[in-house]
Amino acid sequence: MFVAVIPSMGLVICYGSHIVSKTAKKATEAAQKGSAVAEGAISAVRVVQAFGALTKLSGNYLDCLSEASRLGIHRSIFGAIMLGSVFFVA
């Protein structure tokens, strides 16, 4: 029985961890984009206020954070599917 279970669990874990790490990396990159937008707005607060770019920058920040949140949810779903598949195989 172990001969059939161990390789299939290995495949599920390898494939699942690859997908989870890929989506986690994308979520981190989206959060970094958002923090870069916020940092730029905070460092140049006088320019942002002078040109009235606060709504545009806050919109960009919220877009980046919503993308990071969406990818984080996908990462969680893929992790749950992987864990469920491991229990199903075992």
C-alpha atoms as a PDB file:
ATOM      1  CA  MET A   1       0.000   0.000   0.000  1.00  0.00           C
ATOM      2  CA  PHE A   2       2.830   2.401   0.792  1.00  0.00           C
ATOM      3  CA  VAL A   3       4.240   1.827  -2.682  1.00  0.00           C
ATOM      4  CA  ALA A   4       1.150   3.448  -4.204  1.00  0.00           C
ATOM      5  CA  VAL A   5       0.593   6.149  -1.587  1.00  0.00           C
ATOM      6  CA  ILE A   6       4.064   7.657  -1.188  1.00  0.00           C
ATOM      7  CA  PRO A   7       4.699   8.570  -4.864  1.00  0.00           C
ATOM      8  CA  SER A   8       1.218  10.001  -5.314  1.00  0.00           C
ATOM      9  CA  MET A   9       1.558  12.071  -2.137  1.00  0.00           C
ATOM     10  CA  GLY A  10       4.933  13.281  -3.366  1.00  0.00           C
ATOM     11  CA  LEU A  11       3.423  14.383  -6.660  1.00  0.00           C
ATOM     12  CA  VAL A  12       0.558  16.188  -4.950  1.00  0.00           C
ATOM     13  CA  ILE A  13       2.912  17.961  -2.545  1.00  0.00           C
ATOM     14  CA  CYS A  14       5.442  18.931  -5.243  1.00  0.00           C
ATOM     15  CA  TYR A  15       2.845  20.249  -7.669  1.00  0.00           C
ATOM     16  CA  GLY A  16       0.774  21.929  -4.961  1.00  0.00           C
ATOM     17  CA  SER A  17       3.736  23.620  -3.304  1.00  0.00           C
ATOM     18  CA  HIS A  18       4.883  24.897  -6.702  1.00  0.00           C
ATOM     19  CA  ILE A  19       1.499  26.528  -7.336  1.00  0.00           C
ATOM     20  CA  VAL A  20       1.245  27.900  -3.785  1.00  0.00           C
ATOM     21  CA  SER A  21       4.733  29.409  -3.918  1.00  0.00           C
ATOM     22  CA  LYS A  22       4.067  30.930  -7.345  1.00  0.00           C
ATOM     23  CA  THR A  23       0.875  32.649  -6.201  1.00  0.00           C
ATOM     24  CA  ALA A  24       2.549  33.759  -2.953  1.00  0.00           C
ATOM     25  CA  LYS A  25       5.336  35.356  -4.970  1.00  0.00           C
ATOM     26  CA  LYS A  26       2.810  37.203  -7.152  1.00  0.00           C
ATOM     27  CA  ALA A  27       0.929  38.402  -4.058  1.00  0.00           C
ATOM     28  CA  THR A  28       4.150  39.683  -2.512  1.00  0.00           C
ATOM     29  CA  GLU A  29       5.053  41.544  -5.697  1.00  0.00           C
ATOM     30  CA  ALA A  30       1.614  43.192  -5.798  1.00  0.00           C
ATOM     31  CA  ALA A  31       1.942  44.256  -2.155  1.00  0.00           C
ATOM     32  CA  GLN A  32       5.398  45.667  -2.888  1.00  0.00           C
ATOM     33  CA  LYS A  33       3.974  47.705  -5.748  1.00  0.00           C
ATOM     34  CA  GLY A  34       1.349  49.117  -3.402  1.00  0.00           C
ATOM     35  CA  SER A  35       3.900  49.976  -0.754  1.00  0.00           C
ATOM     36  CA  ALA A  36       6.067  51.679  -3.365  1.00  0.00           C
ATOM     37  CA  VAL A  37       3.100  53.836  -4.404  1.00  0.00           C
ATOM     38  CA  ALA A  38       2.369  54.726  -0.775  1.00  0.00           C
ATOM     39  CA  GLU A  39       6.013  55.465  -0.027  1.00  0.00           C
ATOM     40  CA  GLY A  40       6.270  57.723  -3.053  1.00  0.00           C
ATOM     41  CA  ALA A  41       3.132  59.599  -2.067  1.00  0.00           C
ATOM     42  CA  ILE A  42       4.282  60.050   1.514  1.00  0.00           C
ATOM     43  CA  SER A  43       7.770  61.188   0.552  1.00  0.00           C
ATOM     44  CA  ALA A  44       6.398  63.765  -1.896  1.00  0.00           C
ATOM     45  CA  VAL A  45       3.320  64.822   0.051  1.00  0.00           C
ATOM     46  CA  ARG A  46       3.716  68.485  -0.918  1.00  0.00           C
ATOM     47  CA  VAL A  47       3.781  67.683  -4.622  1.00  0.00           C
ATOM     48  CA  VAL A  48       0.832  65.312  -4.280  1.00  0.00           C
ATOM     49  CA  GLN A  49      -1.216  67.972  -2.512  1.00  0.00           C
ATOM     50  CA  ALA A  50      -0.137  70.715  -4.920  1.00  0.00           C
ATOM     51  CA  PHE A  51      -1.211  68.825  -8.019  1.00  0.00           C
ATOM     52  CA  GLY A  52      -4.247  67.129  -6.474  1.00  0.00           C
ATOM     53  CA  ALA A  53      -2.997  63.639  -7.233  1.00  0.00           C
ATOM     54  CA  LEU A  54      -4.189  62.132  -3.979  1.00  0.00           C
ATOM     55  CA  THR A  55      -7.250  60.414  -5.463  1.00  0.00           C
ATOM     56  CA  LYS A  56      -5.261  58.924  -8.334  1.00  0.00           C
ATOM     57  CA  LEU A  57      -2.478  57.667  -6.056  1.00  0.00           C
ATOM     58  CA  SER A  58      -4.919  56.268  -3.519  1.00  0.00           C
ATOM     59  CA  GLY A  59      -6.721  54.504  -6.363  1.00  0.00           C
ATOM     60  CA  ASN A  60      -3.441  52.989  -7.548  1.00  0.00           C
ATOM     61  CA  TYR A  61      -2.661  51.908  -3.991  1.00  0.00           C
ATOM     62  CA  LEU A  62      -6.070  50.286  -3.547  1.00  0.00           C
ATOM     63  CA  ASP A  63      -5.749  48.513  -6.908  1.00  0.00           C
ATOM     64  CA  CYS A  64      -2.415  47.035  -5.872  1.00  0.00           C
ATOM     65  CA  LEU A  65      -3.753  45.978  -2.483  1.00  0.00           C
ATOM     66  CA  SER A  66      -6.886  44.415  -3.946  1.00  0.00           C
ATOM     67  CA  GLU A  67      -4.719  42.459  -6.382  1.00  0.00           C
ATOM     68  CA  ALA A  68      -2.524  41.277  -3.494  1.00  0.00           C
ATOM     69  CA  SER A  69      -5.612  40.311  -1.506  1.00  0.00           C
ATOM     70  CA  ARG A  70      -7.081  38.399  -4.445  1.00  0.00           C
ATOM     71  CA  LEU A  71      -3.827  36.519  -4.958  1.00  0.00           C
ATOM     72  CA  GLY A  72      -3.613  35.776  -1.243  1.00  0.00           C
ATOM     73  CA  ILE A  73      -7.066  34.247  -1.352  1.00  0.00           C
ATOM     74  CA  HIS A  74      -6.047  32.141  -4.358  1.00  0.00           C
ATOM     75  CA  ARG A  75      -2.939  31.007  -2.473  1.00  0.00           C
ATOM     76  CA  SER A  76      -5.079  29.941   0.462  1.00  0.00           C
ATOM     77  CA  ILE A  77      -7.501  28.067  -1.778  1.00  0.00           C
ATOM     78  CA  PHE A  78      -4.674  26.245  -3.562  1.00  0.00           C
ATOM     79  CA  GLY A  79      -3.104  25.364  -0.211  1.00  0.00           C
ATOM     80  CA  ALA A  80      -6.411  23.970   1.042  1.00  0.00           C
ATOM     81  CA  ILE A  81      -6.856  21.948  -2.145  1.00  0.00           C
ATOM     82  CA  MET A  82      -3.338  20.581  -1.774  1.00  0.00           C
ATOM     83  CA  LEU A  83      -3.911  19.618   1.851  1.00  0.00           C
ATOM     84  CA  GLY A  84      -7.240  18.009   1.004  1.00  0.00           C
ATOM     85  CA  SER A  85      -5.621  16.083  -1.835  1.00  0.00           C
ATOM     86  CA  VAL A  86      -2.895  14.796   0.485  1.00  0.00           C
ATOM     87  CA  PHE A  87      -5.517  13.555   2.951  1.00  0.00           C
ATOM     88  CA  PHE A  88      -7.535  12.051   0.082  1.00  0.00           C
ATOM     89  CA  VAL A  89      -4.510  10.169  -1.229  1.00  0.00           C
ATOM     90  CA  ALA A  90      -3.507   8.948   2.222  1.00  0.00           C
END
